[in-house]
């Protein structure tokens, strides 16, 4: 009889532990899912900023080329 009670107690504790572990796993899954969403949003923002930076850099390079190709330079008098 004592052995059966002991096994039942161990089984009950193991089920309780399994329940806690399952709860923690669900919590971690939710956190990972949120992090994946945040990561995707961050990657999207990075891509947008890099694309914007690339277009600005190209515009800046075009302006530099235009400045280099001008034949006359005007200097404003100081006074």
PDB file of N, CA and C in Angstrom:
ATOM      1  N   UNK A   1       0.817  -1.205   0.000  1.00  0.00           N
ATOM      2  CA  UNK A   1       0.000   0.000   0.000  1.00  0.00           C
ATOM      3  C   UNK A   1       0.861   1.271   0.000  1.00  0.00           C
ATOM      4  N   UNK A   2       1.894   1.287   0.826  1.00  0.00           N
ATOM      5  CA  UNK A   2       2.742   2.465   0.927  1.00  0.00           C
ATOM      6  C   UNK A   2       3.440   2.790  -0.379  1.00  0.00           C
ATOM      7  N   UNK A   3       3.795   1.742  -1.098  1.00  0.00           N
ATOM      8  CA  UNK A   3       4.489   1.943  -2.367  1.00  0.00           C
ATOM      9  C   UNK A   3       3.558   2.573  -3.397  1.00  0.00           C
ATOM     10  N   UNK A   4       2.296   2.150  -3.422  1.00  0.00           N
ATOM     11  CA  UNK A   4       1.308   2.690  -4.364  1.00  0.00           C
ATOM     12  C   UNK A   4       1.061   4.167  -4.066  1.00  0.00           C
ATOM     13  N   UNK A   5       0.933   4.512  -2.785  1.00  0.00           N
ATOM     14  CA  UNK A   5       0.715   5.909  -2.396  1.00  0.00           C
ATOM     15  C   UNK A   5       1.924   6.745  -2.809  1.00  0.00           C
ATOM     16  N   UNK A   6       3.115   6.221  -2.597  1.00  0.00           N
ATOM     17  CA  UNK A   6       4.333   6.928  -2.962  1.00  0.00           C
ATOM     18  C   UNK A   6       4.398   7.150  -4.477  1.00  0.00           C
ATOM     19  N   UNK A   7       4.053   6.138  -5.253  1.00  0.00           N
ATOM     20  CA  UNK A   7       4.056   6.268  -6.713  1.00  0.00           C
ATOM     21  C   UNK A   7       3.023   7.294  -7.173  1.00  0.00           C
ATOM     22  N   UNK A   8       1.853   7.295  -6.519  1.00  0.00           N
ATOM     23  CA  UNK A   8       0.815   8.278  -6.870  1.00  0.00           C
ATOM     24  C   UNK A   8       1.307   9.694  -6.577  1.00  0.00           C
ATOM     25  N   UNK A   9       1.986   9.838  -5.435  1.00  0.00           N
ATOM     26  CA  UNK A   9       2.508  11.152  -5.056  1.00  0.00           C
ATOM     27  C   UNK A   9       3.567  11.608  -6.066  1.00  0.00           C
ATOM     28  N   UNK A  10       4.456  10.709  -6.447  1.00  0.00           N
ATOM     29  CA  UNK A  10       5.491  11.034  -7.432  1.00  0.00           C
ATOM     30  C   UNK A  10       4.848  11.386  -8.764  1.00  0.00           C
ATOM     31  N   UNK A  11       3.857  10.593  -9.177  1.00  0.00           N
ATOM     32  CA  UNK A  11       3.161  10.859 -10.435  1.00  0.00           C
ATOM     33  C   UNK A  11       2.481  12.226 -10.396  1.00  0.00           C
ATOM     34  N   UNK A  12       1.852  12.554  -9.260  1.00  0.00           N
ATOM     35  CA  UNK A  12       1.180  13.855  -9.111  1.00  0.00           C
ATOM     36  C   UNK A  12       2.199  14.997  -9.225  1.00  0.00           C
ATOM     37  N   UNK A  13       3.356  14.841  -8.575  1.00  0.00           N
ATOM     38  CA  UNK A  13       4.396  15.870  -8.641  1.00  0.00           C
ATOM     39  C   UNK A  13       4.949  16.001 -10.056  1.00  0.00           C
ATOM     40  N   UNK A  14       5.111  14.869 -10.726  1.00  0.00           N
ATOM     41  CA  UNK A  14       5.619  14.897 -12.099  1.00  0.00           C
ATOM     42  C   UNK A  14       4.628  15.593 -13.029  1.00  0.00           C
ATOM     43  N   UNK A  15       3.338  15.344 -12.840  1.00  0.00           N
ATOM     44  CA  UNK A  15       2.316  16.011 -13.661  1.00  0.00           C
ATOM     45  C   UNK A  15       2.312  17.511 -13.394  1.00  0.00           C
ATOM     46  N   UNK A  16       2.474  17.877 -12.123  1.00  0.00           N
ATOM     47  CA  UNK A  16       2.517  19.292 -11.769  1.00  0.00           C
ATOM     48  C   UNK A  16       3.735  19.958 -12.415  1.00  0.00           C
ATOM     49  N   UNK A  17       4.872  19.283 -12.364  1.00  0.00           N
ATOM     50  CA  UNK A  17       6.083  19.804 -12.985  1.00  0.00           C
ATOM     51  C   UNK A  17       5.914  19.917 -14.497  1.00  0.00           C
ATOM     52  N   UNK A  18       5.316  18.900 -15.111  1.00  0.00           N
ATOM     53  CA  UNK A  18       5.070  18.929 -16.557  1.00  0.00           C
ATOM     54  C   UNK A  18       4.159  20.096 -16.916  1.00  0.00           C
ATOM     55  N   UNK A  19       3.174  20.362 -16.083  1.00  0.00           N
ATOM     56  CA  UNK A  19       2.265  21.484 -16.320  1.00  0.00           C
ATOM     57  C   UNK A  19       3.020  22.814 -16.250  1.00  0.00           C
ATOM     58  N   UNK A  20       3.892  22.955 -15.258  1.00  0.00           N
ATOM     59  CA  UNK A  20       4.691  24.182 -15.134  1.00  0.00           C
ATOM     60  C   UNK A  20       5.596  24.364 -16.350  1.00  0.00           C
ATOM     61  N   UNK A  21       6.237  23.277 -16.756  1.00  0.00           N
ATOM     62  CA  UNK A  21       7.127  23.348 -17.917  1.00  0.00           C
ATOM     63  C   UNK A  21       6.337  23.735 -19.159  1.00  0.00           C
ATOM     64  N   UNK A  22       5.160  23.134 -19.327  1.00  0.00           N
ATOM     65  CA  UNK A  22       4.316  23.458 -20.484  1.00  0.00           C
ATOM     66  C   UNK A  22       3.923  24.932 -20.466  1.00  0.00           C
ATOM     67  N   UNK A  23       3.597  25.433 -19.294  1.00  0.00           N
ATOM     68  CA  UNK A  23       3.237  26.849 -19.163  1.00  0.00           C
ATOM     69  C   UNK A  23       4.417  27.742 -19.553  1.00  0.00           C
ATOM     70  N   UNK A  24       5.607  27.393 -19.101  1.00  0.00           N
ATOM     71  CA  UNK A  24       6.798  28.172 -19.441  1.00  0.00           C
ATOM     72  C   UNK A  24       7.095  28.105 -20.935  1.00  0.00           C
ATOM     73  N   UNK A  25       6.906  26.929 -21.528  1.00  0.00           N
ATOM     74  CA  UNK A  25       7.129  26.778 -22.969  1.00  0.00           C
ATOM     75  C   UNK A  25       6.184  27.685 -23.742  1.00  0.00           C
ATOM     76  N   UNK A  26       4.925  27.724 -23.351  1.00  0.00           N
ATOM     77  CA  UNK A  26       3.950  28.595 -24.019  1.00  0.00           C
ATOM     78  C   UNK A  26       4.348  30.058 -23.873  1.00  0.00           C
ATOM     79  N   UNK A  27       4.807  30.417 -22.689  1.00  0.00           N
ATOM     80  CA  UNK A  27       5.239  31.796 -22.453  1.00  0.00           C
ATOM     81  C   UNK A  27       6.426  32.152 -23.349  1.00  0.00           C
ATOM     82  N   UNK A  28       7.390  31.255 -23.437  1.00  0.00           N
ATOM     83  CA  UNK A  28       8.567  31.490 -24.276  1.00  0.00           C
ATOM     84  C   UNK A  28       8.160  31.569 -25.746  1.00  0.00           C
ATOM     85  N   UNK A  29       7.236  30.720 -26.173  1.00  0.00           N
ATOM     86  CA  UNK A  29       6.767  30.766 -27.565  1.00  0.00           C
ATOM     87  C   UNK A  29       6.154  32.124 -27.885  1.00  0.00           C
ATOM     88  N   UNK A  30       5.335  32.631 -26.953  1.00  0.00           N
ATOM     89  CA  UNK A  30       4.717  33.943 -27.165  1.00  0.00           C
ATOM     90  C   UNK A  30       5.783  35.034 -27.277  1.00  0.00           C
ATOM     91  N   UNK A  31       6.770  34.963 -26.398  1.00  0.00           N
ATOM     92  CA  UNK A  31       7.841  35.961 -26.418  1.00  0.00           C
ATOM     93  C   UNK A  31       8.629  35.877 -27.720  1.00  0.00           C
ATOM     94  N   UNK A  32       8.956  34.658 -28.143  1.00  0.00           N
ATOM     95  CA  UNK A  32       9.708  34.476 -29.389  1.00  0.00           C
ATOM     96  C   UNK A  32       8.900  34.995 -30.574  1.00  0.00           C
ATOM     97  N   UNK A  33       7.602  34.725 -30.568  1.00  0.00           N
ATOM     98  CA  UNK A  33       6.741  35.210 -31.653  1.00  0.00           C
ATOM     99  C   UNK A  33       6.753  36.736 -31.707  1.00  0.00           C
ATOM    100  N   UNK A  34       6.644  37.373 -30.544  1.00  0.00           N
ATOM    101  CA  UNK A  34       6.701  38.837 -30.491  1.00  0.00           C
ATOM    102  C   UNK A  34       8.054  39.352 -30.985  1.00  0.00           C
ATOM    103  N   UNK A  35       9.120  38.684 -30.572  1.00  0.00           N
ATOM    104  CA  UNK A  35      10.454  39.094 -31.011  1.00  0.00           C
ATOM    105  C   UNK A  35      10.622  38.936 -32.514  1.00  0.00           C
ATOM    106  N   UNK A  36      10.060  37.880 -33.080  1.00  0.00           N
ATOM    107  CA  UNK A  36      10.142  37.689 -34.528  1.00  0.00           C
ATOM    108  C   UNK A  36       9.429  38.818 -35.264  1.00  0.00           C
ATOM    109  N   UNK A  37       8.278  39.227 -34.752  1.00  0.00           N
ATOM    110  CA  UNK A  37       7.533  40.332 -35.362  1.00  0.00           C
ATOM    111  C   UNK A  37       8.348  41.621 -35.266  1.00  0.00           C
ATOM    112  N   UNK A  38       8.895  41.897 -34.084  1.00  0.00           N
ATOM    113  CA  UNK A  38       9.711  43.097 -33.899  1.00  0.00           C
ATOM    114  C   UNK A  38      10.932  43.072 -34.814  1.00  0.00           C
ATOM    115  N   UNK A  39      11.544  41.902 -34.958  1.00  0.00           N
ATOM    116  CA  UNK A  39      12.717  41.758 -35.815  1.00  0.00           C
ATOM    117  C   UNK A  39      12.364  42.051 -37.265  1.00  0.00           C
ATOM    118  N   UNK A  40      11.240  41.516 -37.735  1.00  0.00           N
ATOM    119  CA  UNK A  40      10.812  41.764 -39.113  1.00  0.00           C
ATOM    120  C   UNK A  40      10.546  43.247 -39.344  1.00  0.00           C
ATOM    121  N   UNK A  41       9.898  43.904 -38.376  1.00  0.00           N
ATOM    122  CA  UNK A  41       9.644  45.344 -38.501  1.00  0.00           C
ATOM    123  C   UNK A  41      10.957  46.124 -38.543  1.00  0.00           C
ATOM    124  N   UNK A  42      11.886  45.737 -37.699  1.00  0.00           N
ATOM    125  CA  UNK A  42      13.184  46.401 -37.671  1.00  0.00           C
ATOM    126  C   UNK A  42      13.923  46.215 -38.991  1.00  0.00           C
ATOM    127  N   UNK A  43      13.900  45.001 -39.524  1.00  0.00           N
ATOM    128  CA  UNK A  43      14.554  44.733 -40.803  1.00  0.00           C
ATOM    129  C   UNK A  43      13.920  45.564 -41.919  1.00  0.00           C
ATOM    130  N   UNK A  44      12.604  45.695 -41.895  1.00  0.00           N
ATOM    131  CA  UNK A  44      11.905  46.499 -42.893  1.00  0.00           C
ATOM    132  C   UNK A  44      12.342  47.957 -42.800  1.00  0.00           C
ATOM    133  N   UNK A  45      12.417  48.486 -41.575  1.00  0.00           N
ATOM    134  CA  UNK A  45      12.844  49.871 -41.387  1.00  0.00           C
ATOM    135  C   UNK A  45      14.285  50.067 -41.850  1.00  0.00           C
ATOM    136  N   UNK A  46      15.144  49.108 -41.549  1.00  0.00           N
ATOM    137  CA  UNK A  46      16.538  49.191 -41.988  1.00  0.00           C
ATOM    138  C   UNK A  46      16.605  49.230 -43.508  1.00  0.00           C
ATOM    139  N   UNK A  47      15.847  48.354 -44.153  1.00  0.00           N
ATOM    140  CA  UNK A  47      15.845  48.317 -45.623  1.00  0.00           C
ATOM    141  C   UNK A  47      15.366  49.636 -46.206  1.00  0.00           C
ATOM    142  N   UNK A  48      14.304  50.200 -45.615  1.00  0.00           N
ATOM    143  CA  UNK A  48      13.783  51.479 -46.099  1.00  0.00           C
ATOM    144  C   UNK A  48      14.826  52.582 -45.948  1.00  0.00           C
ATOM    145  N   UNK A  49      15.477  52.631 -44.783  1.00  0.00           N
ATOM    146  CA  UNK A  49      16.483  53.665 -44.552  1.00  0.00           C
ATOM    147  C   UNK A  49      17.684  53.494 -45.472  1.00  0.00           C
ATOM    148  N   UNK A  50      18.089  52.254 -45.705  1.00  0.00           N
ATOM    149  CA  UNK A  50      19.209  52.021 -46.616  1.00  0.00           C
ATOM    150  C   UNK A  50      18.849  52.427 -48.040  1.00  0.00           C
ATOM    151  N   UNK A  51      17.616  52.142 -48.451  1.00  0.00           N
ATOM    152  CA  UNK A  51      17.176  52.533 -49.793  1.00  0.00           C
ATOM    153  C   UNK A  51      17.137  54.054 -49.902  1.00  0.00           C
ATOM    154  N   UNK A  52      16.634  54.709 -48.865  1.00  0.00           N
ATOM    155  CA  UNK A  52      16.577  56.170 -48.857  1.00  0.00           C
ATOM    156  C   UNK A  52      17.989  56.746 -48.867  1.00  0.00           C
ATOM    157  N   UNK A  53      18.876  56.158 -48.095  1.00  0.00           N
ATOM    158  CA  UNK A  53      20.262  56.615 -48.047  1.00  0.00           C
ATOM    159  C   UNK A  53      20.924  56.433 -49.408  1.00  0.00           C
ATOM    160  N   UNK A  54      20.645  55.320 -50.058  1.00  0.00           N
ATOM    161  CA  UNK A  54      21.203  55.062 -51.383  1.00  0.00           C
ATOM    162  C   UNK A  54      20.738  56.082 -52.394  1.00  0.00           C
ATOM    163  N   UNK A  55      19.459  56.453 -52.352  1.00  0.00           N
ATOM    164  CA  UNK A  55      18.949  57.438 -53.308  1.00  0.00           C
ATOM    165  C   UNK A  55      19.519  58.819 -52.997  1.00  0.00           C
ATOM    166  N   UNK A  56      19.687  59.138 -51.723  1.00  0.00           N
ATOM    167  CA  UNK A  56      20.293  60.421 -51.363  1.00  0.00           C
ATOM    168  C   UNK A  56      21.747  60.463 -51.797  1.00  0.00           C
ATOM    169  N   UNK A  57      22.447  59.356 -51.603  1.00  0.00           N
ATOM    170  CA  UNK A  57      23.851  59.307 -52.001  1.00  0.00           C
ATOM    171  C   UNK A  57      23.984  59.503 -53.499  1.00  0.00           C
ATOM    172  N   UNK A  58      23.075  58.891 -54.243  1.00  0.00           N
ATOM    173  CA  UNK A  58      23.100  59.033 -55.698  1.00  0.00           C
ATOM    174  C   UNK A  58      22.829  60.487 -56.080  1.00  0.00           C
ATOM    175  N   UNK A  59      21.871  61.139 -55.397  1.00  0.00           N
ATOM    176  CA  UNK A  59      21.577  62.548 -55.673  1.00  0.00           C
ATOM    177  C   UNK A  59      22.794  63.410 -55.350  1.00  0.00           C
ATOM    178  N   UNK A  60      23.445  63.121 -54.210  1.00  0.00           N
ATOM    179  CA  UNK A  60      24.636  63.876 -53.829  1.00  0.00           C
ATOM    180  C   UNK A  60      25.735  63.711 -54.867  1.00  0.00           C
ATOM    181  N   UNK A  61      25.924  62.493 -55.362  1.00  0.00           N
ATOM    182  CA  UNK A  61      26.940  62.248 -56.377  1.00  0.00           C
ATOM    183  C   UNK A  61      26.612  63.003 -57.657  1.00  0.00           C
ATOM    184  N   UNK A  62      25.329  63.064 -58.012  1.00  0.00           N
ATOM    185  CA  UNK A  62      24.925  63.805 -59.205  1.00  0.00           C
ATOM    186  C   UNK A  62      25.211  65.289 -59.024  1.00  0.00           C
ATOM    187  N   UNK A  63      24.952  65.815 -57.816  1.00  0.00           N
ATOM    188  CA  UNK A  63      25.235  67.217 -57.552  1.00  0.00           C
ATOM    189  C   UNK A  63      26.728  67.480 -57.650  1.00  0.00           C
ATOM    190  N   UNK A  64      27.535  66.603 -57.133  1.00  0.00           N
ATOM    191  CA  UNK A  64      28.987  66.767 -57.203  1.00  0.00           C
ATOM    192  C   UNK A  64      29.435  66.772 -58.655  1.00  0.00           C
ATOM    193  N   UNK A  65      28.893  65.888 -59.435  1.00  0.00           N
ATOM    194  CA  UNK A  65      29.229  65.836 -60.858  1.00  0.00           C
ATOM    195  C   UNK A  65      28.827  67.142 -61.531  1.00  0.00           C
ATOM    196  N   UNK A  66      27.653  67.655 -61.215  1.00  0.00           N
ATOM    197  CA  UNK A  66      27.204  68.913 -61.798  1.00  0.00           C
ATOM    198  C   UNK A  66      28.141  70.048 -61.411  1.00  0.00           C
ATOM    199  N   UNK A  67      28.566  70.077 -60.181  1.00  0.00           N
ATOM    200  CA  UNK A  67      29.474  71.129 -59.731  1.00  0.00           C
ATOM    201  C   UNK A  67      30.810  71.003 -60.448  1.00  0.00           C
ATOM    202  N   UNK A  68      31.291  69.809 -60.591  1.00  0.00           N
ATOM    203  CA  UNK A  68      32.578  69.600 -61.248  1.00  0.00           C
ATOM    204  C   UNK A  68      32.527  69.959 -62.724  1.00  0.00           C
ATOM    205  N   UNK A  69      31.374  69.848 -63.350  1.00  0.00           N
ATOM    206  CA  UNK A  69      31.255  70.103 -64.778  1.00  0.00           C
ATOM    207  C   UNK A  69      30.945  71.561 -65.108  1.00  0.00           C
ATOM    208  N   UNK A  70      30.748  72.393 -64.117  1.00  0.00           N
ATOM    209  CA  UNK A  70      30.482  73.803 -64.415  1.00  0.00           C
ATOM    210  C   UNK A  70      31.783  74.479 -64.815  1.00  0.00           C
ATOM    211  N   UNK A  71      31.685  75.338 -65.826  1.00  0.00           N
ATOM    212  CA  UNK A  71      32.896  75.979 -66.347  1.00  0.00           C
ATOM    213  C   UNK A  71      33.161  77.320 -65.697  1.00  0.00           C
ATOM    214  N   UNK A  72      32.133  77.990 -65.193  1.00  0.00           N
ATOM    215  CA  UNK A  72      32.367  79.298 -64.582  1.00  0.00           C
ATOM    216  C   UNK A  72      31.995  79.237 -63.103  1.00  0.00           C
ATOM    217  N   UNK A  73      32.842  79.843 -62.317  1.00  0.00           N
ATOM    218  CA  UNK A  73      32.606  79.877 -60.879  1.00  0.00           C
ATOM    219  C   UNK A  73      32.422  81.327 -60.493  1.00  0.00           C
ATOM    220  N   UNK A  74      31.332  81.627 -59.826  1.00  0.00           N
ATOM    221  CA  UNK A  74      31.089  83.006 -59.399  1.00  0.00           C
ATOM    222  C   UNK A  74      31.469  83.140 -57.934  1.00  0.00           C
ATOM    223  N   UNK A  75      32.181  84.222 -57.642  1.00  0.00           N
ATOM    224  CA  UNK A  75      32.587  84.496 -56.273  1.00  0.00           C
ATOM    225  C   UNK A  75      31.896  85.775 -55.855  1.00  0.00           C
ATOM    226  N   UNK A  76      31.192  85.714 -54.741  1.00  0.00           N
ATOM    227  CA  UNK A  76      30.494  86.903 -54.253  1.00  0.00           C
ATOM    228  C   UNK A  76      31.487  87.798 -53.520  1.00  0.00           C
ATOM    229  N   UNK A  77      31.389  89.127 -53.753  1.00  0.00           N
ATOM    230  CA  UNK A  77      32.277  90.036 -53.027  1.00  0.00           C
ATOM    231  C   UNK A  77      31.943  90.030 -51.534  1.00  0.00           C
ATOM    232  N   UNK A  78      32.957  90.224 -50.709  1.00  0.00           N
ATOM    233  CA  UNK A  78      32.749  90.209 -49.263  1.00  0.00           C
ATOM    234  C   UNK A  78      32.062  91.477 -48.776  1.00  0.00           C
ATOM    235  N   UNK A  79      32.270  92.607 -49.477  1.00  0.00           N
ATOM    236  CA  UNK A  79      31.709  93.883 -49.025  1.00  0.00           C
ATOM    237  C   UNK A  79      30.556  94.299 -49.858  1.00  0.00           C
TER     238      UNK A  79
END
